[in-house]
């Protein structure tokens, strides 16, 4: 029942699964930005021309690995059934996206309801 509700949220409202984390220092000062989702998203925001400063709260949503989503679709497997496709999933920080990026993806990025 809960899982079915989360699947509905994935389709209708990815913002329901949004996390927000503050930057405690400059993005360039984080020693391992690839391991921290809010830093990954802040870097994306900066690449989009947005100003990002210490103290900003960065929204992000953890999505399914796009490679796994694509392989699942090619194999005709349902999205609500966990399977092993022989693909090592990307780390959580690398699957974290700004809500705007998810909307702009036109359904290619899907909220990871299993996370």
Protein backbone atom coordinates (compact mmCIF):
# COMPACT_ATOMS: atom_id res chain seq x y z
CA UNK A 1 0.00 0.00 0.00
CA UNK A 2 2.71 2.49 0.97
CA UNK A 3 4.86 1.47 -1.99
CA UNK A 4 1.96 2.05 -4.40
CA UNK A 5 1.44 5.49 -2.88
CA UNK A 6 5.10 6.33 -3.37
CA UNK A 7 4.90 5.26 -7.00
CA UNK A 8 1.99 7.65 -7.46
CA UNK A 9 4.03 10.43 -5.84
CA UNK A 10 6.88 9.70 -8.25
CA UNK A 11 4.58 10.36 -11.17
CA UNK A 12 2.65 13.31 -9.79
CA UNK A 13 4.86 15.15 -7.32
CA UNK A 14 8.61 14.58 -7.07
CA UNK A 15 8.76 17.54 -4.66
CA UNK A 16 7.15 15.31 -2.02
CA UNK A 17 10.48 13.45 -1.77
CA UNK A 18 12.69 16.54 -1.70
CA UNK A 19 15.56 16.94 0.76
CA UNK A 20 17.11 20.27 1.70
CA UNK A 21 20.59 20.73 3.11
CA UNK A 22 22.52 23.90 3.89
CA UNK A 23 25.97 24.79 2.63
CA UNK A 24 28.26 25.33 5.62
CA UNK A 25 31.18 26.52 3.49
CA UNK A 26 31.99 27.52 -0.06
CA UNK A 27 31.31 24.79 -2.60
CA UNK A 28 34.99 24.76 -3.59
CA UNK A 29 36.00 24.11 0.04
CA UNK A 30 34.26 20.73 0.34
CA UNK A 31 36.97 18.04 0.25
CA UNK A 32 34.87 15.38 -1.51
CA UNK A 33 31.97 17.00 -3.39
CA UNK A 34 31.08 13.79 -5.25
CA UNK A 35 30.04 12.20 -1.95
CA UNK A 36 27.66 14.98 -0.90
CA UNK A 37 24.37 15.42 -2.75
CA UNK A 38 23.78 19.05 -1.83
CA UNK A 39 27.25 19.98 -3.12
CA UNK A 40 26.65 18.09 -6.38
CA UNK A 41 23.41 20.00 -6.88
CA UNK A 42 25.03 23.32 -5.91
CA UNK A 43 27.65 22.72 -8.61
CA UNK A 44 24.85 22.08 -11.13
CA UNK A 45 23.13 25.28 -10.02
CA UNK A 46 26.35 27.24 -10.50
CA UNK A 47 26.75 25.74 -13.99
CA UNK A 48 23.22 27.02 -14.71
CA UNK A 49 24.35 30.55 -13.78
CA UNK A 50 22.70 30.64 -10.36
CA UNK A 51 24.43 32.26 -7.42
CA UNK A 52 25.24 29.82 -4.61
CA UNK A 53 26.59 31.08 -1.29
CA UNK A 54 27.53 29.77 2.13
CA UNK A 55 24.33 29.35 4.15
CA UNK A 56 22.11 28.66 1.12
CA UNK A 57 19.76 25.74 1.50
CA UNK A 58 20.08 23.43 -1.50
CA UNK A 59 17.07 21.31 -2.51
CA UNK A 60 17.66 17.89 -4.03
CA UNK A 61 15.79 14.73 -4.90
CA UNK A 62 17.43 11.31 -5.10
CA UNK A 63 16.53 9.65 -8.40
CA UNK A 64 16.90 6.20 -9.83
CA UNK A 65 20.12 5.62 -11.73
CA UNK A 66 19.15 6.69 -15.28
CA UNK A 67 21.14 3.77 -16.73
CA UNK A 68 19.10 1.27 -14.72
CA UNK A 69 15.84 3.01 -15.61
CA UNK A 70 16.73 2.81 -19.30
CA UNK A 71 17.75 -0.88 -19.08
CA UNK A 72 14.51 -1.69 -17.21
CA UNK A 73 12.44 0.03 -19.90
CA UNK A 74 14.30 -1.73 -22.74
CA UNK A 75 13.70 -5.10 -21.07
CA UNK A 76 10.02 -4.27 -20.55
CA UNK A 77 10.26 -4.71 -16.79
CA UNK A 78 7.79 -2.91 -14.50
CA UNK A 79 9.13 0.02 -12.49
CA UNK A 80 7.74 -1.32 -9.22
CA UNK A 81 9.61 -4.64 -9.27
CA UNK A 82 13.19 -4.72 -7.96
CA UNK A 83 15.48 -6.70 -10.30
CA UNK A 84 19.19 -7.24 -10.82
CA UNK A 85 20.14 -5.93 -14.25
CA UNK A 86 23.87 -6.45 -13.78
CA UNK A 87 24.49 -2.71 -13.48
CA UNK A 88 26.24 -1.27 -10.43
CA UNK A 89 24.09 1.60 -9.18
CA UNK A 90 25.65 5.04 -9.01
CA UNK A 91 26.22 6.41 -5.49
CA UNK A 92 23.33 8.37 -3.99
CA UNK A 93 25.07 11.75 -4.34
CA UNK A 94 25.54 11.19 -8.06
CA UNK A 95 21.83 10.40 -8.39
CA UNK A 96 20.75 13.59 -6.64
CA UNK A 97 19.20 16.32 -8.77
CA UNK A 98 17.70 19.76 -8.34
CA UNK A 99 13.89 19.67 -8.67
CA UNK A 100 14.15 21.88 -11.79
CA UNK A 101 16.41 19.32 -13.48
CA UNK A 102 13.86 16.58 -12.83
CA UNK A 103 11.04 18.64 -14.31
CA UNK A 104 13.16 19.53 -17.36
CA UNK A 105 14.02 15.85 -17.93
CA UNK A 106 10.47 15.13 -19.17
CA UNK A 107 10.24 11.87 -17.23
CA UNK A 108 13.77 10.60 -17.86
CA UNK A 109 14.69 11.17 -14.22
CA UNK A 110 12.50 9.29 -11.76
CA UNK A 111 12.38 9.64 -8.00
CA UNK A 112 14.03 6.67 -6.27
CA UNK A 113 11.23 5.52 -4.00
CA UNK A 114 13.44 2.70 -2.70
CA UNK A 115 16.03 5.13 -1.35
